[in-house]
Amino acid sequence: MSQTLEARRTISTGSVEIDKKMGGGIPEGSLILIEGQSNAGKSVVTQQLTHGALNGGFRCALYTTENTPRSLFRQMTSLSLDVTDFFLLGALNVYPPPAAMSEEAAVTAFDKMLHHLSRLQGRFEVVFIDSLTSFVSQVPESATLRFLTAVKEFCDQNMTIFFTLHSHAFEEAMFMRMRSLCDAHLKLRVEEMRDQLMKVLEVAKVRGAEKSTGTSSASTSSPGSACGSFRFRQRRPNDRCRSGCPSNHSNRPRTIAAPPPRSARFTTSSRRSCAPRRSRRRT
């Protein structure tokens, strides 16, 4: 059994600092929920995970309702996450799922996706679904749970599957049931602090991680930029977790920070500083 655990690989985020705070990365064969409000960065985190997985030697499939394949590659390149070569070599496939404007269409899309996942087995190890919101909003909660239960069976066969959801897609009771099905839960939110918008990534759990988890990262953002500077902070012992109990137990969540992908304007080939130049007065 120890040999099996040693052979189990992890999916990197592409950032050593974030991987360290996540307990070493996402273990292979996991089902991961990426939850967040609008413009919190769910798609960007998905793209960073895709880039990290590809560079880690994994073959990836990406279902996207948020971008066309062309706009996806353009956006990832602008964030210094170019995956064009992986796509050309067949290590990455991108699939646009059909739109679901009714309950019947959403159920049909679920069935087609499950059938398609069965065809991907043995060819692709990591699958990203960005996002499921448009589908789950059209079907009863029981249909969503059945779909995720079926998806979990693929994870039991060592396929790693990430999916994103809007925070307002369900009530909290339903989200609790979904989180219990998942092996990892990442939650994104936007907070305002001192006239700046802070994008926060909270790692609620990563089951099977090499080290303890419960971390989050925060970055300041401004209009027209993908990310900015970062701040580190730690939750105090007297803080309480979401369930209401004191967070001073051994696995208490901590709050950390680590950089997401840089925006395009900070990744030009020039080595000059991004800071504005100060005008010199002539004496």
Protein backbone atom coordinates (compact mmCIF):
# COMPACT_ATOMS: atom_id res chain seq x y z
CA MET A 1 0.00 0.00 0.00
CA SER A 2 2.89 2.35 0.77
CA GLN A 3 4.22 1.82 -2.74
CA THR A 4 0.84 2.85 -4.17
CA LEU A 5 0.82 6.05 -2.12
CA GLU A 6 4.39 6.88 -3.15
CA ALA A 7 3.50 6.44 -6.82
CA ARG A 8 0.54 8.82 -6.57
CA ARG A 9 1.37 12.05 -8.38
CA THR A 10 0.15 15.56 -7.59
CA ILE A 11 -1.16 18.31 -9.86
CA SER A 12 0.79 21.53 -9.47
CA THR A 13 -0.69 25.01 -9.68
CA GLY A 14 2.48 26.20 -11.39
CA SER A 15 3.47 28.20 -8.30
CA VAL A 16 5.84 26.60 -5.78
CA GLU A 17 4.56 28.87 -3.02
CA ILE A 18 0.88 28.02 -3.60
CA ASP A 19 1.66 24.29 -3.88
CA LYS A 20 3.53 24.43 -0.58
CA LYS A 21 0.59 26.06 1.20
CA MET A 22 -1.83 23.59 -0.40
CA GLY A 23 0.01 20.67 1.14
CA GLY A 24 2.14 19.84 -1.87
CA GLY A 25 -0.46 20.10 -4.65
CA ILE A 26 -3.69 18.35 -5.65
CA PRO A 27 -3.39 14.54 -5.38
CA GLU A 28 -4.08 12.59 -8.55
CA GLY A 29 -7.53 10.98 -8.69
CA SER A 30 -9.32 13.82 -6.87
CA LEU A 31 -12.61 15.61 -7.52
CA ILE A 32 -12.12 19.35 -6.97
CA LEU A 33 -14.73 22.08 -6.60
CA ILE A 34 -13.62 25.63 -7.49
CA GLU A 35 -16.31 27.94 -6.13
CA GLY A 36 -16.52 31.71 -6.38
CA GLN A 37 -18.53 34.81 -7.16
CA SER A 38 -18.48 36.61 -10.49
CA ASN A 39 -15.08 38.03 -11.50
CA ALA A 40 -13.38 36.30 -8.57
CA GLY A 41 -10.94 34.53 -10.89
CA LYS A 42 -12.36 30.99 -11.26
CA SER A 43 -11.40 30.73 -14.93
CA VAL A 44 -7.93 32.19 -14.32
CA VAL A 45 -7.26 29.68 -11.53
CA THR A 46 -8.49 26.91 -13.85
CA GLN A 47 -6.13 28.10 -16.56
CA GLN A 48 -3.22 28.24 -14.14
CA LEU A 49 -3.96 24.69 -12.96
CA THR A 50 -4.18 23.56 -16.59
CA HIS A 51 -0.79 25.09 -17.33
CA GLY A 52 0.73 23.55 -14.21
CA ALA A 53 -0.69 20.09 -14.97
CA LEU A 54 0.57 20.15 -18.57
CA ASN A 55 4.06 21.16 -17.45
CA GLY A 56 3.90 18.36 -14.87
CA GLY A 57 3.52 15.77 -17.62
CA PHE A 58 -0.26 15.29 -17.43
CA ARG A 59 -2.51 15.11 -20.49
CA CYS A 60 -5.47 17.46 -20.02
CA ALA A 61 -8.97 17.94 -21.42
CA LEU A 62 -10.80 21.22 -20.87
CA TYR A 63 -14.55 21.78 -21.25
CA THR A 64 -15.24 25.50 -21.35
CA THR A 65 -18.47 27.47 -21.51
CA GLU A 66 -16.62 30.70 -20.68
CA ASN A 67 -14.43 30.99 -23.79
CA THR A 68 -14.06 29.81 -27.33
CA PRO A 69 -10.86 27.81 -27.93
CA ARG A 70 -9.29 30.79 -29.72
CA SER A 71 -10.15 33.30 -26.96
CA LEU A 72 -8.99 30.79 -24.34
CA PHE A 73 -5.53 30.45 -25.90
CA ARG A 74 -5.33 34.22 -26.36
CA GLN A 75 -6.18 34.87 -22.72
CA MET A 76 -3.78 32.24 -21.40
CA THR A 77 -0.96 33.63 -23.54
CA SER A 78 -1.64 37.12 -22.17
CA LEU A 79 -1.18 35.68 -18.66
CA SER A 80 2.14 34.01 -19.58
CA LEU A 81 0.39 30.61 -19.59
CA ASP A 82 0.91 29.71 -23.23
CA VAL A 83 -0.31 26.15 -23.93
CA THR A 84 -0.36 26.28 -27.73
CA ASP A 85 2.48 23.76 -28.10
CA PHE A 86 0.71 21.28 -25.80
CA PHE A 87 -2.44 21.66 -27.89
CA LEU A 88 -0.56 21.08 -31.14
CA LEU A 89 1.17 18.00 -29.71
CA GLY A 90 -2.16 16.49 -28.55
CA ALA A 91 -1.47 16.82 -24.81
CA LEU A 92 -4.39 19.26 -24.46
CA ASN A 93 -7.87 19.06 -25.96
CA VAL A 94 -10.51 21.79 -25.63
CA TYR A 95 -14.22 21.03 -25.92
CA PRO A 96 -17.08 23.58 -26.00
CA PRO A 97 -20.11 21.89 -24.34
CA PRO A 98 -23.53 22.54 -25.88
CA ALA A 99 -25.60 25.31 -24.34
CA ALA A 100 -28.27 24.22 -21.87
CA MET A 101 -31.29 26.53 -21.96
CA SER A 102 -33.78 24.05 -20.50
CA GLU A 103 -33.92 21.17 -18.01
CA GLU A 104 -34.09 18.58 -20.78
CA ALA A 105 -31.08 20.10 -22.56
CA ALA A 106 -29.07 20.19 -19.32
CA VAL A 107 -29.81 16.54 -18.49
CA THR A 108 -28.87 15.59 -22.05
CA ALA A 109 -25.63 17.56 -21.70
CA PHE A 110 -24.83 15.73 -18.45
CA ASP A 111 -25.36 12.35 -20.15
CA LYS A 112 -23.24 13.34 -23.14
CA MET A 113 -20.46 14.62 -20.89
CA LEU A 114 -20.39 11.39 -18.88
CA HIS A 115 -20.25 9.39 -22.11
CA HIS A 116 -17.46 11.62 -23.40
CA LEU A 117 -15.50 11.26 -20.15
CA SER A 118 -15.64 7.48 -20.53
CA ARG A 119 -14.05 7.87 -23.96
CA LEU A 120 -11.29 10.06 -22.52
CA GLN A 121 -10.22 7.43 -19.98
CA GLY A 122 -6.73 6.18 -20.65
CA ARG A 123 -6.00 9.14 -22.93
CA PHE A 124 -6.26 12.11 -20.54
CA GLU A 125 -5.46 12.13 -16.83
CA VAL A 126 -6.80 15.57 -15.83
CA VAL A 127 -10.15 17.11 -16.82
CA PHE A 128 -11.34 20.70 -16.24
CA ILE A 129 -15.00 21.76 -16.52
CA ASP A 130 -15.38 25.55 -16.58
CA SER A 131 -18.14 25.91 -15.70
CA LEU A 132 -21.13 23.82 -14.58
CA THR A 133 -23.24 26.81 -13.51
CA SER A 134 -25.27 27.08 -16.71
CA PHE A 135 -26.19 23.39 -16.46
CA VAL A 136 -26.99 23.00 -12.76
CA SER A 137 -29.23 26.08 -12.81
CA GLN A 138 -31.61 24.23 -15.16
CA VAL A 139 -31.97 20.90 -13.34
CA PRO A 140 -33.14 19.70 -9.90
CA GLU A 141 -30.49 19.37 -7.22
CA SER A 142 -30.87 15.59 -7.29
CA ALA A 143 -29.80 15.52 -10.95
CA THR A 144 -26.65 17.49 -10.11
CA LEU A 145 -25.79 15.12 -7.26
CA ARG A 146 -26.30 12.09 -9.53
CA PHE A 147 -23.99 13.65 -12.12
CA LEU A 148 -21.25 14.38 -9.57
CA THR A 149 -21.58 10.89 -8.09
CA ALA A 150 -21.04 9.44 -11.58
CA VAL A 151 -18.08 11.79 -12.11
CA LYS A 152 -16.62 10.61 -8.81
CA GLU A 153 -16.45 7.07 -10.23
CA PHE A 154 -14.00 8.32 -12.87
CA CYS A 155 -11.88 9.80 -10.08
CA ASP A 156 -11.83 6.38 -8.38
CA GLN A 157 -10.12 5.16 -11.56
CA ASN A 158 -7.35 7.76 -11.11
CA MET A 159 -8.78 10.55 -13.28
CA THR A 160 -8.52 14.02 -11.72
CA ILE A 161 -11.51 16.30 -12.39
CA PHE A 162 -11.86 20.00 -11.60
CA PHE A 163 -15.16 21.88 -11.99
CA THR A 164 -16.13 25.48 -11.31
CA LEU A 165 -19.41 26.82 -9.92
CA HIS A 166 -20.78 30.26 -9.13
CA SER A 167 -21.28 30.85 -5.40
CA HIS A 168 -24.95 31.68 -5.94
CA ALA A 169 -25.75 28.56 -7.97
CA PHE A 170 -27.11 26.77 -4.85
CA GLU A 171 -28.17 27.36 -1.30
CA GLU A 172 -25.59 26.65 1.39
CA ALA A 173 -27.19 23.29 2.32
CA MET A 174 -26.69 22.01 -1.23
CA PHE A 175 -23.12 23.29 -1.36
CA MET A 176 -22.37 21.39 1.86
CA ARG A 177 -23.52 18.14 0.24
CA MET A 178 -21.43 18.83 -2.85
CA ARG A 179 -18.35 19.68 -0.80
CA SER A 180 -18.68 16.37 1.05
CA LEU A 181 -18.50 14.56 -2.31
CA CYS A 182 -15.35 16.42 -3.34
CA ASP A 183 -11.79 15.65 -2.32
CA ALA A 184 -10.73 19.29 -2.53
CA HIS A 185 -12.55 22.60 -2.24
CA LEU A 186 -11.14 25.92 -3.41
CA LYS A 187 -13.19 29.07 -2.81
CA LEU A 188 -12.56 32.47 -4.38
CA ARG A 189 -14.01 35.80 -3.35
CA VAL A 190 -13.43 39.51 -3.84
CA GLU A 191 -12.99 41.72 -0.79
CA GLU A 192 -12.59 45.48 -0.53
CA MET A 193 -9.80 46.68 1.71
CA ARG A 194 -8.59 50.27 1.93
CA ASP A 195 -10.11 51.28 -1.39
CA GLN A 196 -8.57 48.26 -3.13
CA LEU A 197 -10.19 45.07 -4.36
CA MET A 198 -8.59 41.95 -2.91
CA LYS A 199 -8.99 38.62 -4.72
CA VAL A 200 -8.78 35.86 -2.12
CA LEU A 201 -8.30 32.14 -2.77
CA GLU A 202 -9.28 30.01 0.22
CA VAL A 203 -8.19 26.38 0.28
CA ALA A 204 -10.87 24.83 2.45
CA LYS A 205 -9.58 21.26 2.14
CA VAL A 206 -7.36 19.01 0.07
CA ARG A 207 -7.97 15.41 1.03
CA GLY A 208 -4.88 13.22 0.78
CA ALA A 209 -2.44 16.14 0.72
CA GLU A 210 1.13 15.46 1.84
CA LYS A 211 0.93 18.22 4.47
CA SER A 212 -1.78 20.05 6.39
CA THR A 213 -3.82 22.56 4.38
CA GLY A 214 -6.32 25.33 4.97
CA THR A 215 -4.70 28.27 3.26
CA SER A 216 -5.67 31.20 1.15
CA SER A 217 -3.98 33.79 -1.01
CA ALA A 218 -4.89 37.40 -1.58
CA SER A 219 -3.93 39.87 -4.26
CA THR A 220 -4.87 43.42 -4.93
CA SER A 221 -6.45 44.15 -8.27
CA SER A 222 -7.30 47.29 -10.14
CA PRO A 223 -9.29 47.96 -13.30
CA GLY A 224 -7.50 46.68 -16.37
CA SER A 225 -5.08 44.41 -14.54
CA ALA A 226 -5.26 40.69 -13.81
CA CYS A 227 -3.36 40.85 -10.56
CA GLY A 228 -1.15 43.07 -8.44
CA SER A 229 0.82 42.99 -5.22
CA PHE A 230 0.31 40.38 -2.50
CA ARG A 231 -0.10 40.45 1.23
CA PHE A 232 0.44 37.71 3.81
CA ARG A 233 -1.71 37.28 6.85
CA GLN A 234 -2.51 34.54 9.36
CA ARG A 235 -5.76 33.76 11.11
CA ARG A 236 -5.55 34.40 14.85
CA PRO A 237 -6.08 31.52 17.33
CA ASN A 238 -9.33 33.01 18.66
CA ASP A 239 -10.93 33.23 15.20
CA ARG A 240 -13.77 30.85 14.51
CA CYS A 241 -14.19 28.58 11.52
CA ARG A 242 -17.33 28.47 9.37
CA SER A 243 -18.96 25.83 11.57
CA GLY A 244 -18.63 28.12 14.61
CA CYS A 245 -16.00 26.19 16.54
CA PRO A 246 -12.71 27.84 17.60
CA SER A 247 -10.05 27.45 14.95
CA ASN A 248 -7.19 26.72 17.37
CA HIS A 249 -7.26 22.96 16.70
CA SER A 250 -4.45 21.14 14.91
CA ASN A 251 -5.91 21.57 11.40
CA ARG A 252 -7.05 25.16 11.80
CA PRO A 253 -7.11 27.09 8.52
CA ARG A 254 -4.45 29.67 7.99
CA THR A 255 -4.46 32.58 5.60
CA ILE A 256 -1.47 32.97 3.34
CA ALA A 257 -0.77 34.58 0.04
CA ALA A 258 0.95 33.53 -3.15
CA PRO A 259 1.02 35.08 -6.61
CA PRO A 260 -1.41 34.01 -9.34
CA PRO A 261 -0.36 34.43 -13.00
CA ARG A 262 0.89 37.87 -13.94
CA SER A 263 -1.01 40.09 -16.30
CA ALA A 264 0.20 40.59 -19.85
CA ARG A 265 1.47 44.11 -19.25
CA PHE A 266 3.94 42.82 -16.64
CA THR A 267 5.32 40.06 -18.85
CA THR A 268 6.79 41.91 -21.83
CA SER A 269 10.27 41.06 -23.01
CA SER A 270 11.57 44.39 -21.77
CA ARG A 271 13.43 44.34 -18.44
CA ARG A 272 12.49 47.91 -17.61
CA SER A 273 10.56 48.66 -14.47
CA CYS A 274 6.75 48.88 -14.71
CA ALA A 275 6.72 51.88 -12.40
CA PRO A 276 5.95 55.21 -14.09
CA ARG A 277 8.96 57.39 -14.77
CA ARG A 278 9.39 60.52 -12.76
CA SER A 279 9.89 63.66 -14.75
CA ARG A 280 13.20 65.40 -14.08
CA ARG A 281 13.26 69.10 -13.58
CA ARG A 282 15.89 70.98 -15.38
CA THR A 283 18.11 72.98 -13.13
